[in-house]
């Protein structure tokens, strides 16, 4: 069970990183403000929820 949970968490964060890349958070053209970094972190942690229609954003 522990191996399954770890596998699930890794897959979750891979989907999150993919979603953040889709939204352009890894592009070098953006200035790194608090809101930008917070929204990118929420997108990575939110993972597959981004593809379900949830688009998190952070305001600082």
C-alpha atoms as a PDB file:
ATOM      1  CA  UNK A   1       0.000   0.000   0.000  1.00  0.00           C
ATOM      2  CA  UNK A   2       2.866   2.363   0.796  1.00  0.00           C
ATOM      3  CA  UNK A   3       4.360   1.823  -2.666  1.00  0.00           C
ATOM      4  CA  UNK A   4       1.030   2.581  -4.322  1.00  0.00           C
ATOM      5  CA  UNK A   5       0.653   5.807  -2.344  1.00  0.00           C
ATOM      6  CA  UNK A   6       4.155   6.946  -3.286  1.00  0.00           C
ATOM      7  CA  UNK A   7       3.523   6.079  -6.934  1.00  0.00           C
ATOM      8  CA  UNK A   8       0.246   8.035  -6.832  1.00  0.00           C
ATOM      9  CA  UNK A   9       1.952  11.113  -5.336  1.00  0.00           C
ATOM     10  CA  UNK A  10       4.706  11.045  -7.956  1.00  0.00           C
ATOM     11  CA  UNK A  11       2.176  10.749 -10.795  1.00  0.00           C
ATOM     12  CA  UNK A  12       0.086  13.540  -9.217  1.00  0.00           C
ATOM     13  CA  UNK A  13       3.067  15.926  -9.189  1.00  0.00           C
ATOM     14  CA  UNK A  14       4.055  14.961 -12.728  1.00  0.00           C
ATOM     15  CA  UNK A  15       0.573  15.936 -13.910  1.00  0.00           C
ATOM     16  CA  UNK A  16       0.913  19.143 -11.896  1.00  0.00           C
ATOM     17  CA  UNK A  17       4.241  19.993 -13.487  1.00  0.00           C
ATOM     18  CA  UNK A  18       2.722  19.297 -16.892  1.00  0.00           C
ATOM     19  CA  UNK A  19      -0.199  21.602 -16.127  1.00  0.00           C
ATOM     20  CA  UNK A  20       2.155  24.356 -14.982  1.00  0.00           C
ATOM     21  CA  UNK A  21       4.125  23.940 -18.188  1.00  0.00           C
ATOM     22  CA  UNK A  22       0.891  24.156 -20.217  1.00  0.00           C
ATOM     23  CA  UNK A  23       0.104  27.453 -18.518  1.00  0.00           C
ATOM     24  CA  UNK A  24       3.605  28.752 -19.331  1.00  0.00           C
ATOM     25  CA  UNK A  25       4.963  29.053 -15.796  1.00  0.00           C
ATOM     26  CA  UNK A  26       8.343  27.639 -16.779  1.00  0.00           C
ATOM     27  CA  UNK A  27       8.896  30.163 -19.577  1.00  0.00           C
ATOM     28  CA  UNK A  28      11.791  32.525 -18.915  1.00  0.00           C
ATOM     29  CA  UNK A  29       9.940  35.574 -20.231  1.00  0.00           C
ATOM     30  CA  UNK A  30       7.841  36.097 -17.096  1.00  0.00           C
ATOM     31  CA  UNK A  31       8.909  38.207 -14.146  1.00  0.00           C
ATOM     32  CA  UNK A  32       8.821  36.168 -10.959  1.00  0.00           C
ATOM     33  CA  UNK A  33       6.381  38.022  -8.728  1.00  0.00           C
ATOM     34  CA  UNK A  34       4.802  36.618  -5.592  1.00  0.00           C
ATOM     35  CA  UNK A  35       1.524  35.991  -7.409  1.00  0.00           C
ATOM     36  CA  UNK A  36       3.261  34.248 -10.305  1.00  0.00           C
ATOM     37  CA  UNK A  37       5.262  31.902  -8.073  1.00  0.00           C
ATOM     38  CA  UNK A  38       2.262  31.216  -5.819  1.00  0.00           C
ATOM     39  CA  UNK A  39       0.005  30.401  -8.736  1.00  0.00           C
ATOM     40  CA  UNK A  40       2.664  28.138 -10.264  1.00  0.00           C
ATOM     41  CA  UNK A  41       3.059  26.295  -6.953  1.00  0.00           C
ATOM     42  CA  UNK A  42      -0.716  25.881  -6.601  1.00  0.00           C
ATOM     43  CA  UNK A  43      -0.890  24.520 -10.133  1.00  0.00           C
ATOM     44  CA  UNK A  44       1.834  21.950  -9.440  1.00  0.00           C
ATOM     45  CA  UNK A  45       0.245  20.885  -6.148  1.00  0.00           C
ATOM     46  CA  UNK A  46      -3.240  20.879  -7.678  1.00  0.00           C
ATOM     47  CA  UNK A  47      -2.014  18.459 -10.313  1.00  0.00           C
ATOM     48  CA  UNK A  48      -4.785  16.827 -12.325  1.00  0.00           C
ATOM     49  CA  UNK A  49      -7.408  19.202 -10.929  1.00  0.00           C
ATOM     50  CA  UNK A  50      -6.156  21.731 -13.489  1.00  0.00           C
ATOM     51  CA  UNK A  51      -7.263  19.414 -16.286  1.00  0.00           C
ATOM     52  CA  UNK A  52     -10.636  18.996 -14.591  1.00  0.00           C
ATOM     53  CA  UNK A  53     -11.274  22.726 -14.965  1.00  0.00           C
ATOM     54  CA  UNK A  54      -9.931  24.101 -11.681  1.00  0.00           C
ATOM     55  CA  UNK A  55      -7.457  26.892 -12.376  1.00  0.00           C
ATOM     56  CA  UNK A  56      -5.941  28.040  -9.096  1.00  0.00           C
ATOM     57  CA  UNK A  57      -4.416  31.475  -8.679  1.00  0.00           C
ATOM     58  CA  UNK A  58      -2.684  33.239  -5.834  1.00  0.00           C
ATOM     59  CA  UNK A  59      -2.751  36.904  -4.937  1.00  0.00           C
ATOM     60  CA  UNK A  60      -0.101  38.508  -2.769  1.00  0.00           C
END
